[in-house]
Protein backbone atom coordinates (compact mmCIF):
# COMPACT_ATOMS: atom_id res chain seq x y z
CA MET A 1 92.43 -43.49 -34.98
CA ALA A 2 89.45 -44.54 -37.12
CA PHE A 3 87.30 -41.77 -38.45
CA GLN A 4 83.85 -41.46 -36.88
CA PHE A 5 81.08 -39.50 -38.52
CA ASP A 6 79.79 -36.83 -36.13
CA TRP A 7 76.03 -36.86 -36.62
CA GLN A 8 75.52 -34.09 -34.09
CA ALA A 9 77.88 -31.80 -36.03
CA ALA A 10 75.93 -32.53 -39.22
CA ILE A 11 72.61 -31.78 -37.53
CA ASP A 12 73.95 -28.59 -35.96
CA ALA A 13 75.07 -27.35 -39.39
CA ILE A 14 71.64 -27.66 -40.99
CA PRO A 15 70.11 -24.34 -39.78
CA PHE A 16 73.16 -22.41 -40.95
CA LEU A 17 73.27 -24.18 -44.33
CA LEU A 18 69.56 -23.61 -44.92
CA LYS A 19 70.32 -19.88 -45.18
CA GLY A 20 72.07 -20.60 -48.48
CA ILE A 21 69.14 -22.35 -50.16
CA PRO A 22 67.19 -19.15 -51.01
CA TYR A 23 70.27 -17.78 -52.78
CA THR A 24 70.80 -21.05 -54.65
CA LEU A 25 67.18 -21.12 -55.83
CA MET A 26 67.06 -17.39 -56.58
CA ILE A 27 70.12 -17.53 -58.82
CA SER A 28 69.09 -20.82 -60.43
CA PHE A 29 65.50 -20.03 -61.34
CA GLY A 30 66.08 -16.33 -61.99
CA GLY A 31 68.89 -17.21 -64.38
CA LEU A 32 66.90 -20.03 -65.98
CA ALA A 33 63.91 -17.76 -66.59
CA ILE A 34 66.13 -15.29 -68.47
CA GLY A 35 67.99 -18.17 -70.11
CA PHE A 36 64.72 -19.60 -71.42
CA VAL A 37 63.90 -16.31 -73.14
CA LEU A 38 67.43 -16.15 -74.58
CA GLY A 39 67.15 -19.78 -75.62
CA ILE A 40 63.94 -19.23 -77.57
CA PHE A 41 65.32 -16.10 -79.24
CA PHE A 42 68.70 -17.49 -80.25
CA GLY A 43 67.36 -20.99 -80.89
CA LEU A 44 64.92 -19.68 -83.48
CA LEU A 45 67.57 -17.38 -84.95
CA SER A 46 69.94 -20.32 -85.32
CA ILE A 47 67.56 -22.01 -87.79
CA ASN A 48 66.83 -18.86 -89.75
CA LYS A 49 67.66 -19.22 -93.42
CA ARG A 50 69.34 -15.81 -93.53
CA TRP A 51 73.00 -16.05 -92.58
CA LEU A 52 73.18 -12.49 -91.27
CA LEU A 53 70.53 -13.37 -88.68
CA ARG A 54 71.85 -16.85 -87.99
CA TRP A 55 75.55 -16.21 -87.34
CA PRO A 56 75.15 -14.08 -84.17
CA ALA A 57 73.07 -16.90 -82.66
CA VAL A 58 75.63 -19.51 -83.67
CA ALA A 59 78.45 -17.39 -82.21
CA TYR A 60 76.61 -16.91 -78.91
CA ILE A 61 75.80 -20.62 -78.62
CA GLU A 62 79.33 -21.79 -79.40
CA ILE A 63 81.01 -19.26 -77.08
CA PHE A 64 78.90 -20.02 -74.02
CA ARG A 65 78.77 -23.76 -74.61
CA GLY A 66 82.48 -23.90 -75.32
CA THR A 67 83.71 -22.10 -72.19
CA PRO A 68 83.35 -23.15 -68.53
CA ILE A 69 80.67 -21.38 -66.54
CA LEU A 70 83.26 -20.71 -63.82
CA VAL A 71 85.30 -18.66 -66.29
CA GLN A 72 82.13 -16.89 -67.41
CA VAL A 73 81.12 -15.81 -63.90
CA LEU A 74 84.67 -14.71 -63.09
CA PHE A 75 84.73 -12.63 -66.27
CA ILE A 76 81.38 -11.04 -65.42
CA PHE A 77 82.29 -10.35 -61.78
CA TYR A 78 85.93 -9.32 -62.11
CA GLY A 79 86.30 -8.39 -65.78
CA LEU A 80 83.20 -6.38 -66.64
CA PRO A 81 83.69 -3.82 -63.84
CA ASP A 82 86.82 -2.64 -65.67
CA ILE A 83 84.65 -1.94 -68.72
CA ILE A 84 81.57 -0.45 -67.07
CA GLY A 85 83.52 1.41 -64.41
CA GLY A 86 81.73 0.01 -61.38
CA PRO A 87 81.37 -3.16 -59.30
CA ILE A 88 78.81 -5.87 -60.02
CA ASP A 89 76.81 -7.45 -57.22
CA PRO A 90 77.68 -11.15 -56.75
CA LEU A 91 74.01 -12.16 -57.04
CA VAL A 92 73.69 -10.27 -60.31
CA ALA A 93 76.90 -11.82 -61.63
CA GLY A 94 75.76 -15.33 -60.69
CA THR A 95 72.30 -14.88 -62.18
CA ALA A 96 73.78 -13.45 -65.38
CA ALA A 97 76.19 -16.37 -65.68
CA ILE A 98 73.37 -18.92 -65.28
CA ALA A 99 71.22 -16.98 -67.76
CA LEU A 100 73.87 -16.73 -70.46
CA ASN A 101 75.15 -20.26 -70.00
CA SER A 102 71.77 -21.98 -69.79
CA GLY A 103 70.48 -19.81 -72.64
CA ALA A 104 73.11 -21.26 -74.96
CA TYR A 105 72.16 -24.84 -74.10
CA ILE A 106 68.44 -24.09 -74.22
CA SER A 107 68.98 -22.58 -77.70
CA GLU A 108 70.12 -25.98 -78.90
CA VAL A 109 67.15 -27.63 -77.20
CA VAL A 110 64.80 -25.22 -78.97
CA ARG A 111 66.51 -25.74 -82.30
CA GLY A 112 66.34 -29.50 -82.00
CA GLY A 113 62.74 -29.46 -80.80
CA VAL A 114 61.49 -27.28 -83.64
CA GLN A 115 63.43 -29.16 -86.30
CA SER A 116 62.08 -32.48 -85.00
CA ILE A 117 58.55 -31.54 -86.08
CA ASP A 118 57.64 -32.92 -89.49
CA LYS A 119 57.54 -30.26 -92.20
CA GLY A 120 54.14 -31.54 -93.19
CA GLN A 121 52.73 -29.97 -90.02
CA GLY A 122 53.71 -26.52 -91.25
CA GLU A 123 52.41 -27.20 -94.73
CA ALA A 124 49.10 -28.33 -93.28
CA GLY A 125 48.77 -25.08 -91.34
CA LEU A 126 49.50 -22.99 -94.41
CA SER A 127 46.98 -24.97 -96.41
CA LEU A 128 44.35 -24.08 -93.81
CA GLY A 129 44.95 -20.40 -94.46
CA LEU A 130 47.13 -19.67 -91.45
CA SER A 131 50.10 -17.34 -91.79
CA ARG A 132 53.60 -18.68 -91.17
CA THR A 133 53.66 -17.01 -87.77
CA GLN A 134 50.26 -18.44 -86.80
CA THR A 135 51.29 -21.86 -88.06
CA PHE A 136 54.45 -21.82 -85.99
CA TRP A 137 52.96 -20.69 -82.69
CA THR A 138 49.70 -22.66 -82.88
CA ILE A 139 50.85 -25.91 -84.51
CA ILE A 140 54.62 -26.36 -84.48
CA TRP A 141 55.64 -24.74 -81.19
CA PRO A 142 53.20 -26.64 -78.87
CA GLN A 143 54.38 -29.97 -80.26
CA ALA A 144 58.04 -28.95 -80.14
CA PHE A 145 57.77 -27.64 -76.59
CA ARG A 146 56.34 -30.94 -75.38
CA ARG A 147 59.45 -32.66 -76.72
CA MET A 148 61.72 -30.07 -75.10
CA ILE A 149 60.50 -30.69 -71.56
CA PRO A 150 62.94 -33.53 -70.65
CA PRO A 151 66.11 -31.73 -71.86
CA LEU A 152 64.88 -28.45 -70.33
CA GLY A 153 64.47 -30.25 -67.03
CA ASN A 154 67.97 -31.67 -67.31
CA GLN A 155 69.33 -28.18 -67.96
CA ALA A 156 67.52 -26.85 -64.91
CA ILE A 157 69.17 -29.50 -62.75
CA VAL A 158 72.60 -28.75 -64.24
CA SER A 159 72.15 -25.02 -63.60
CA ILE A 160 71.15 -25.61 -59.97
CA LYS A 161 74.35 -27.62 -59.43
CA ASP A 162 76.40 -24.97 -61.27
CA THR A 163 75.53 -22.42 -58.59
CA SER A 164 77.89 -24.30 -56.27
CA LEU A 165 80.77 -22.72 -58.22
CA PHE A 166 79.70 -19.20 -57.34
CA SER A 167 81.18 -19.40 -53.87
CA VAL A 168 84.36 -18.10 -55.56
CA ILE A 169 82.75 -14.67 -55.94
CA GLY A 170 81.23 -14.63 -52.45
CA VAL A 171 77.62 -15.53 -53.23
CA GLY A 172 76.06 -16.84 -50.02
CA GLU A 173 74.67 -20.00 -51.59
CA LEU A 174 74.87 -23.51 -50.13
CA VAL A 175 78.55 -24.19 -50.71
CA ARG A 176 79.62 -20.76 -49.49
CA GLN A 177 77.56 -21.19 -46.33
CA GLY A 178 79.27 -24.53 -45.86
CA GLN A 179 82.71 -23.00 -46.26
CA VAL A 180 81.97 -20.33 -43.67
CA TYR A 181 80.62 -22.90 -41.22
CA ILE A 182 83.62 -25.21 -41.70
CA ALA A 183 86.03 -22.33 -41.05
CA ASN A 184 84.51 -22.01 -37.58
CA THR A 185 83.89 -25.66 -36.70
CA PHE A 186 86.45 -27.70 -38.71
CA THR A 187 83.83 -30.33 -39.53
CA ALA A 188 84.36 -30.44 -43.29
CA PHE A 189 83.24 -34.03 -43.92
CA GLU A 190 79.95 -33.68 -42.06
CA VAL A 191 79.13 -30.25 -43.49
CA TYR A 192 79.83 -31.15 -47.10
CA PHE A 193 77.86 -34.35 -46.60
CA VAL A 194 74.83 -32.27 -45.56
CA VAL A 195 75.41 -29.84 -48.46
CA ALA A 196 75.40 -32.78 -50.90
CA ILE A 197 72.17 -34.13 -49.39
CA MET A 198 70.52 -30.71 -49.71
CA TYR A 199 71.47 -30.48 -53.38
CA LEU A 200 70.18 -34.01 -53.88
CA VAL A 201 66.83 -33.16 -52.27
CA ILE A 202 66.44 -30.08 -54.50
CA THR A 203 67.33 -31.88 -57.74
CA LEU A 204 65.29 -34.99 -56.94
CA SER A 205 62.26 -32.85 -56.09
CA LEU A 206 62.59 -31.06 -59.42
CA SER A 207 62.97 -34.37 -61.24
CA LEU A 208 59.79 -35.72 -59.66
CA VAL A 209 57.85 -32.59 -60.64
CA LEU A 210 59.10 -32.81 -64.22
CA ARG A 211 58.27 -36.51 -64.50
CA ALA A 212 54.76 -35.86 -63.22
CA TYR A 213 54.37 -33.08 -65.78
CA GLU A 214 55.64 -35.37 -68.54
CA ARG A 215 53.18 -38.11 -67.58
CA ARG A 216 50.35 -35.59 -67.49
CA GLY A 217 51.37 -34.28 -70.91
CA LEU A 218 51.52 -37.77 -72.39
CA ALA A 219 48.14 -38.63 -70.89
CA SER A 220 46.56 -35.60 -72.54
CA VAL A 221 47.91 -36.47 -76.00
C-alpha cells in the first residue's frame, strides 16, 4: 500500500507541539545570553599576552568545542548530581549546556573580530590621549562587534537547533513534545514533518531579523 500523508494528523498535532516552543526559545536565548557573556570574557582572555591568563580560556574553548553538546548536557544532568549531591532541573541543564557550548564558539568569534581590527585604530586612540581601556571599548569594540554579527547569528541558529537533543533528558521542547504525541497517535512522519517546519520558521525568522540588522548597520556606516 502506498504511503499517504495525513494532513489532518499533522494539523491536529500543531496545538500540542506549540507547547514545546516556549521551552525551546527559553533554553536557546537564555543559554545564548549567558554564552555571550562567557564568549566576551574568554574571547578577550584568549588574546591576552600573559600565558597564565590565556591558557584557562584556551582550555575552556578547546574542551567545549571539541566535545559534542549531547555529551555535555548528559554530563551536566546525570554526572554533576553525583558531585553536588542533588538533582539538576532539566531546563537548567539544557540552558547550561547551551551557555557553555555557545560560549566557547562565541569566544572564537570575539577573538577573530577583535584581531581583525587594524592595530592602527588602537594607536590612533592612544595618540588622542585615551587609555587602553577607553580605546578598546570606544574604538575597537564597536567596529569588531559589527563584524561579529553574522557569525553570532549563525551560532544562535545552531544553538536553537541543538535544543532538539535535549529530549534525552526530558526537557519538554519541540522534539520531546513530538515524541510524546507520536507515542499516543503513531503518526511519526506527519508529526516530525510539523516539528521540522516549526524549527524552520523559527530559524528563518531569526535570519531575516539578523539580515535586516546587518543592512541597517551597513547603511549607517
